[in-house]
Each structure stands twice: as structure tokens, then as C-alpha cells.
Amino acid sequence: MFNGRNSILFVLFLILVAAPILAAGGTVNYSISKPMYVTGTEIPAGEYEVKWEATGTDAKVVFKSKGRVVATVDGKIEQLKKKSDYNSLTVGKDGSGRDAIKGLLFSDKDVTVVFP
């Protein structure tokens, strides 16, 4: 049976164990060969440093080129069945028929960031 002190220690233990699962992120480099859109924002062709931070299933993604922020967008974290072998963009068309970045894959990670 848990007493007050043990209950507090147990809750703290759960928070410490869950924190790495609930908060994740990283920085990766992508090369975009033609202009694309991500959540309605145009991303010109070029080399990008992409930083992502996730809390739970929500992700904040920042696209930087030559040290300048080009776009900051929101995405959703989805679990993959296996780790990705490489960093990659998933692409498709947006609602307007434009070339769009639909998601980000990260080398050696079993999560992806997807964009609406």
C-alpha cells in the first residue's frame, strides 16, 4: 500500500520515465530541389537545416536556410512500425494541387512528423 511519501515518489518516477517519450526532437539537413509548400507556406529550393521539437503528438518544425528562418510550422508525430533508414521528406500535393512536403522521416528514428 502506498503512503503519501511513496505516492509522491512514484509519481515523480513516472514523470522521469515518461519525459523522454513525451518530449523529443532533433535537427536534420534536407535538400529541396524545387519550390514546395508546407502547411501553406512556400519553401524555396535550397539547403535547409530543419529543427523539430515534439511534445506528445504535437510538433513544432523550423526550416532555416543560411541561418535565416524561412518557415515555422506545426505538425503531428506519428509512430512508425520500424525505424527509418535515412532522413527523407515525404511529398505529395496540397489542397491547391501544389507540390507539398507532407512529412519528415528521420534516420534511426521510429517516428515521423506529418503535416496537414
N, C-alpha and C. Protein backbone atom coordinates (compact mmCIF):
# COMPACT_ATOMS: atom_id res chain seq x y z
N MET A 1 0.86 -1.18 0.00
CA MET A 1 0.00 0.00 0.00
C MET A 1 0.89 1.24 0.00
N PHE A 2 0.51 2.25 -0.78
CA PHE A 2 1.28 3.48 -0.85
C PHE A 2 0.86 4.44 0.24
N ASN A 3 1.84 5.02 0.92
CA ASN A 3 1.53 6.12 1.82
C ASN A 3 1.77 7.42 1.07
N GLY A 4 1.58 8.56 1.66
CA GLY A 4 1.73 9.85 0.98
C GLY A 4 3.10 10.05 0.35
N ARG A 5 4.15 9.75 1.08
CA ARG A 5 5.51 9.94 0.57
C ARG A 5 5.80 9.00 -0.60
N ASN A 6 5.42 7.75 -0.46
CA ASN A 6 5.64 6.78 -1.54
C ASN A 6 4.84 7.15 -2.79
N SER A 7 3.65 7.68 -2.60
CA SER A 7 2.84 8.09 -3.75
C SER A 7 3.53 9.22 -4.52
N ILE A 8 4.08 10.17 -3.81
CA ILE A 8 4.78 11.28 -4.45
C ILE A 8 6.01 10.77 -5.19
N LEU A 9 6.77 9.89 -4.57
CA LEU A 9 7.96 9.32 -5.22
C LEU A 9 7.57 8.53 -6.46
N PHE A 10 6.48 7.78 -6.39
CA PHE A 10 6.02 7.01 -7.54
C PHE A 10 5.63 7.93 -8.70
N VAL A 11 4.92 9.00 -8.43
CA VAL A 11 4.53 9.96 -9.46
C VAL A 11 5.77 10.61 -10.08
N LEU A 12 6.73 11.00 -9.27
CA LEU A 12 7.97 11.58 -9.79
C LEU A 12 8.71 10.59 -10.67
N PHE A 13 8.75 9.33 -10.26
CA PHE A 13 9.38 8.28 -11.06
C PHE A 13 8.69 8.16 -12.42
N LEU A 14 7.37 8.16 -12.45
CA LEU A 14 6.63 8.06 -13.70
C LEU A 14 6.91 9.24 -14.62
N ILE A 15 7.00 10.43 -14.04
CA ILE A 15 7.31 11.62 -14.84
C ILE A 15 8.70 11.51 -15.45
N LEU A 16 9.67 11.07 -14.67
CA LEU A 16 11.04 10.94 -15.19
C LEU A 16 11.13 9.88 -16.27
N VAL A 17 10.40 8.80 -16.13
CA VAL A 17 10.42 7.74 -17.13
C VAL A 17 9.71 8.19 -18.40
N ALA A 18 8.60 8.91 -18.27
CA ALA A 18 7.80 9.30 -19.43
C ALA A 18 8.35 10.51 -20.16
N ALA A 19 9.14 11.35 -19.51
CA ALA A 19 9.61 12.58 -20.13
C ALA A 19 10.31 12.38 -21.47
N PRO A 20 11.23 11.42 -21.61
CA PRO A 20 11.87 11.24 -22.91
C PRO A 20 10.89 10.78 -23.99
N ILE A 21 9.85 10.09 -23.61
CA ILE A 21 8.86 9.63 -24.58
C ILE A 21 7.99 10.80 -25.03
N LEU A 22 7.62 11.66 -24.12
CA LEU A 22 6.71 12.75 -24.41
C LEU A 22 7.40 13.93 -25.09
N ALA A 23 8.68 14.12 -24.87
CA ALA A 23 9.41 15.23 -25.47
C ALA A 23 10.55 14.67 -26.31
N ALA A 24 10.57 15.02 -27.57
CA ALA A 24 11.61 14.54 -28.47
C ALA A 24 11.93 15.65 -29.45
N GLY A 25 12.96 15.44 -30.21
CA GLY A 25 13.29 16.44 -31.23
C GLY A 25 14.67 16.19 -31.79
N GLY A 26 15.05 17.08 -32.67
CA GLY A 26 16.35 16.97 -33.28
C GLY A 26 16.51 17.98 -34.40
N THR A 27 17.67 17.95 -35.03
CA THR A 27 17.98 18.83 -36.15
C THR A 27 18.54 17.97 -37.27
N VAL A 28 18.00 18.13 -38.45
CA VAL A 28 18.46 17.38 -39.62
C VAL A 28 18.59 18.33 -40.80
N ASN A 29 19.33 17.90 -41.82
CA ASN A 29 19.52 18.70 -43.02
C ASN A 29 18.80 18.05 -44.19
N TYR A 30 18.11 18.87 -44.96
CA TYR A 30 17.41 18.41 -46.15
C TYR A 30 17.76 19.31 -47.32
N SER A 31 17.80 18.74 -48.50
CA SER A 31 17.99 19.50 -49.74
C SER A 31 16.67 19.45 -50.50
N ILE A 32 16.16 20.61 -50.86
CA ILE A 32 14.91 20.70 -51.60
C ILE A 32 15.24 21.22 -52.99
N SER A 33 14.94 20.40 -54.01
CA SER A 33 15.38 20.71 -55.38
C SER A 33 14.46 21.65 -56.14
N LYS A 34 13.24 21.85 -55.65
CA LYS A 34 12.31 22.77 -56.31
C LYS A 34 11.42 23.39 -55.24
N PRO A 35 10.81 24.53 -55.53
CA PRO A 35 9.94 25.14 -54.53
C PRO A 35 8.82 24.17 -54.12
N MET A 36 8.52 24.15 -52.83
CA MET A 36 7.46 23.30 -52.30
C MET A 36 6.71 24.09 -51.24
N TYR A 37 5.59 23.58 -50.84
CA TYR A 37 4.79 24.20 -49.79
C TYR A 37 4.70 23.26 -48.60
N VAL A 38 4.64 23.86 -47.41
CA VAL A 38 4.38 23.08 -46.20
C VAL A 38 3.36 23.88 -45.40
N THR A 39 2.23 23.27 -45.13
CA THR A 39 1.08 23.89 -44.46
C THR A 39 0.79 25.29 -45.02
N GLY A 40 0.86 25.44 -46.34
CA GLY A 40 0.52 26.70 -46.99
C GLY A 40 1.67 27.69 -47.14
N THR A 41 2.82 27.41 -46.56
CA THR A 41 3.98 28.30 -46.64
C THR A 41 4.94 27.80 -47.71
N GLU A 42 5.35 28.70 -48.61
CA GLU A 42 6.28 28.30 -49.67
C GLU A 42 7.69 28.13 -49.11
N ILE A 43 8.31 27.04 -49.50
CA ILE A 43 9.71 26.76 -49.15
C ILE A 43 10.48 26.76 -50.48
N PRO A 44 11.31 27.78 -50.73
CA PRO A 44 12.08 27.81 -51.98
C PRO A 44 13.09 26.66 -52.06
N ALA A 45 13.51 26.34 -53.26
CA ALA A 45 14.56 25.33 -53.44
C ALA A 45 15.80 25.76 -52.67
N GLY A 46 16.52 24.80 -52.10
CA GLY A 46 17.75 25.13 -51.37
C GLY A 46 18.08 24.10 -50.32
N GLU A 47 19.11 24.41 -49.55
CA GLU A 47 19.58 23.56 -48.46
C GLU A 47 18.96 24.07 -47.16
N TYR A 48 18.44 23.16 -46.36
CA TYR A 48 17.74 23.55 -45.14
C TYR A 48 18.23 22.77 -43.94
N GLU A 49 18.34 23.48 -42.83
CA GLU A 49 18.50 22.88 -41.52
C GLU A 49 17.10 22.90 -40.93
N VAL A 50 16.61 21.73 -40.57
CA VAL A 50 15.24 21.62 -40.06
C VAL A 50 15.29 21.14 -38.61
N LYS A 51 14.77 21.97 -37.73
CA LYS A 51 14.75 21.63 -36.31
C LYS A 51 13.32 21.29 -35.93
N TRP A 52 13.16 20.17 -35.23
CA TRP A 52 11.83 19.77 -34.79
C TRP A 52 11.83 19.48 -33.30
N GLU A 53 10.77 19.89 -32.66
CA GLU A 53 10.58 19.62 -31.24
C GLU A 53 9.17 19.09 -31.06
N ALA A 54 9.05 18.02 -30.31
CA ALA A 54 7.74 17.40 -30.12
C ALA A 54 7.42 17.24 -28.65
N THR A 55 6.17 17.45 -28.35
CA THR A 55 5.62 17.17 -27.03
C THR A 55 4.36 16.37 -27.25
N GLY A 56 4.38 15.14 -26.80
CA GLY A 56 3.24 14.27 -27.07
C GLY A 56 3.15 14.03 -28.56
N THR A 57 1.99 14.31 -29.15
CA THR A 57 1.82 14.11 -30.59
C THR A 57 1.93 15.41 -31.38
N ASP A 58 2.19 16.53 -30.71
CA ASP A 58 2.33 17.83 -31.39
C ASP A 58 3.80 18.14 -31.66
N ALA A 59 4.06 18.67 -32.85
CA ALA A 59 5.44 19.02 -33.22
C ALA A 59 5.50 20.44 -33.73
N LYS A 60 6.58 21.12 -33.40
CA LYS A 60 6.90 22.44 -33.93
C LYS A 60 8.14 22.25 -34.79
N VAL A 61 8.07 22.69 -36.06
CA VAL A 61 9.16 22.47 -37.01
C VAL A 61 9.60 23.81 -37.58
N VAL A 62 10.94 24.05 -37.56
CA VAL A 62 11.51 25.29 -38.07
C VAL A 62 12.44 24.96 -39.24
N PHE A 63 12.17 25.57 -40.39
CA PHE A 63 13.01 25.43 -41.58
C PHE A 63 13.92 26.65 -41.64
N LYS A 64 15.25 26.42 -41.64
CA LYS A 64 16.23 27.50 -41.73
C LYS A 64 17.12 27.30 -42.94
N SER A 65 17.40 28.39 -43.64
CA SER A 65 18.33 28.36 -44.77
C SER A 65 19.33 29.49 -44.58
N LYS A 66 20.61 29.14 -44.61
CA LYS A 66 21.68 30.12 -44.42
C LYS A 66 21.48 30.92 -43.13
N GLY A 67 21.02 30.22 -42.08
CA GLY A 67 20.85 30.84 -40.78
C GLY A 67 19.58 31.66 -40.62
N ARG A 68 18.77 31.75 -41.66
CA ARG A 68 17.55 32.56 -41.62
C ARG A 68 16.33 31.63 -41.55
N VAL A 69 15.40 31.94 -40.65
CA VAL A 69 14.18 31.16 -40.54
C VAL A 69 13.30 31.45 -41.75
N VAL A 70 12.98 30.41 -42.50
CA VAL A 70 12.12 30.53 -43.67
C VAL A 70 10.68 30.23 -43.30
N ALA A 71 10.48 29.25 -42.41
CA ALA A 71 9.11 28.89 -42.00
C ALA A 71 9.14 28.20 -40.65
N THR A 72 8.11 28.44 -39.88
CA THR A 72 7.85 27.71 -38.64
C THR A 72 6.44 27.15 -38.77
N VAL A 73 6.33 25.83 -38.69
CA VAL A 73 5.04 25.18 -38.92
C VAL A 73 4.75 24.15 -37.84
N ASP A 74 3.48 23.80 -37.72
CA ASP A 74 3.04 22.78 -36.78
C ASP A 74 2.80 21.47 -37.52
N GLY A 75 3.12 20.39 -36.87
CA GLY A 75 2.88 19.07 -37.42
C GLY A 75 2.44 18.12 -36.34
N LYS A 76 2.25 16.88 -36.71
CA LYS A 76 1.83 15.84 -35.77
C LYS A 76 2.85 14.69 -35.82
N ILE A 77 3.12 14.14 -34.67
CA ILE A 77 4.02 12.99 -34.58
C ILE A 77 3.21 11.72 -34.79
N GLU A 78 3.73 10.85 -35.64
CA GLU A 78 3.13 9.53 -35.83
C GLU A 78 4.20 8.47 -35.63
N GLN A 79 3.81 7.38 -35.03
CA GLN A 79 4.70 6.27 -34.77
C GLN A 79 4.84 5.43 -36.03
N LEU A 80 6.06 5.00 -36.34
CA LEU A 80 6.31 4.11 -37.47
C LEU A 80 6.45 2.68 -36.96
N LYS A 81 6.24 1.72 -37.83
CA LYS A 81 6.39 0.31 -37.43
C LYS A 81 7.85 -0.07 -37.24
N LYS A 82 8.75 0.63 -37.97
CA LYS A 82 10.18 0.38 -37.80
C LYS A 82 10.93 1.70 -38.00
N LYS A 83 12.17 1.72 -37.56
CA LYS A 83 12.99 2.93 -37.69
C LYS A 83 13.28 3.22 -39.16
N SER A 84 13.34 4.51 -39.48
CA SER A 84 13.70 4.93 -40.83
C SER A 84 15.19 4.71 -41.04
N ASP A 85 15.56 4.34 -42.25
CA ASP A 85 16.97 4.11 -42.56
C ASP A 85 17.71 5.41 -42.89
N TYR A 86 16.98 6.49 -43.16
CA TYR A 86 17.62 7.73 -43.59
C TYR A 86 16.70 8.92 -43.34
N ASN A 87 17.26 10.12 -43.43
CA ASN A 87 16.48 11.35 -43.37
C ASN A 87 15.83 11.55 -44.73
N SER A 88 14.56 11.84 -44.74
CA SER A 88 13.86 11.98 -46.01
C SER A 88 12.62 12.84 -45.84
N LEU A 89 12.21 13.46 -46.94
CA LEU A 89 10.94 14.18 -46.99
C LEU A 89 9.93 13.29 -47.68
N THR A 90 8.70 13.30 -47.20
CA THR A 90 7.62 12.68 -47.96
C THR A 90 6.87 13.83 -48.64
N VAL A 91 6.59 13.66 -49.92
CA VAL A 91 6.00 14.75 -50.70
C VAL A 91 4.71 14.28 -51.37
N GLY A 92 3.91 15.25 -51.75
CA GLY A 92 2.65 14.99 -52.44
C GLY A 92 2.11 16.32 -52.93
N LYS A 93 0.82 16.41 -53.03
CA LYS A 93 0.15 17.64 -53.46
C LYS A 93 -0.68 18.18 -52.31
N ASP A 94 -0.74 19.52 -52.19
CA ASP A 94 -1.62 20.11 -51.19
C ASP A 94 -3.02 20.28 -51.78
N GLY A 95 -3.92 20.88 -51.04
CA GLY A 95 -5.29 21.06 -51.49
C GLY A 95 -5.43 21.90 -52.74
N SER A 96 -4.41 22.70 -53.04
CA SER A 96 -4.42 23.55 -54.24
C SER A 96 -3.70 22.90 -55.42
N GLY A 97 -3.24 21.66 -55.24
CA GLY A 97 -2.54 20.96 -56.30
C GLY A 97 -1.06 21.29 -56.42
N ARG A 98 -0.52 22.03 -55.45
CA ARG A 98 0.90 22.40 -55.47
C ARG A 98 1.75 21.31 -54.84
N ASP A 99 3.02 21.22 -55.28
CA ASP A 99 3.95 20.28 -54.65
C ASP A 99 4.11 20.66 -53.18
N ALA A 100 3.98 19.66 -52.30
CA ALA A 100 3.98 19.95 -50.88
C ALA A 100 4.78 18.91 -50.10
N ILE A 101 5.40 19.37 -49.03
CA ILE A 101 6.05 18.48 -48.07
C ILE A 101 4.95 17.96 -47.16
N LYS A 102 4.76 16.66 -47.15
CA LYS A 102 3.70 16.06 -46.35
C LYS A 102 4.22 15.48 -45.03
N GLY A 103 5.56 15.25 -44.96
CA GLY A 103 6.11 14.70 -43.74
C GLY A 103 7.62 14.66 -43.76
N LEU A 104 8.19 14.38 -42.60
CA LEU A 104 9.64 14.27 -42.40
C LEU A 104 9.94 12.91 -41.79
N LEU A 105 10.93 12.24 -42.34
CA LEU A 105 11.44 11.00 -41.77
C LEU A 105 12.84 11.27 -41.24
N PHE A 106 13.20 10.59 -40.16
CA PHE A 106 14.48 10.82 -39.51
C PHE A 106 15.26 9.51 -39.40
N SER A 107 16.51 9.57 -39.78
CA SER A 107 17.38 8.39 -39.72
C SER A 107 17.40 7.81 -38.31
N ASP A 108 17.23 6.51 -38.25
CA ASP A 108 17.31 5.74 -37.00
C ASP A 108 16.26 6.13 -35.96
N LYS A 109 15.12 6.70 -36.41
CA LYS A 109 14.01 7.02 -35.50
C LYS A 109 12.76 6.32 -35.99
N ASP A 110 11.90 5.94 -35.04
CA ASP A 110 10.66 5.27 -35.40
C ASP A 110 9.44 6.19 -35.30
N VAL A 111 9.70 7.49 -35.50
CA VAL A 111 8.62 8.47 -35.57
C VAL A 111 8.77 9.31 -36.83
N THR A 112 7.67 9.88 -37.27
CA THR A 112 7.67 10.81 -38.39
C THR A 112 6.86 12.02 -37.99
N VAL A 113 7.16 13.15 -38.58
CA VAL A 113 6.33 14.35 -38.42
C VAL A 113 5.51 14.48 -39.69
N VAL A 114 4.20 14.58 -39.57
CA VAL A 114 3.33 14.76 -40.73
C VAL A 114 2.67 16.12 -40.63
N PHE A 115 2.39 16.68 -41.83
CA PHE A 115 1.77 17.99 -41.92
C PHE A 115 0.37 17.85 -42.50
N PRO A 116 -0.58 18.61 -41.99
CA PRO A 116 -1.96 18.50 -42.51
C PRO A 116 -2.08 18.92 -43.96
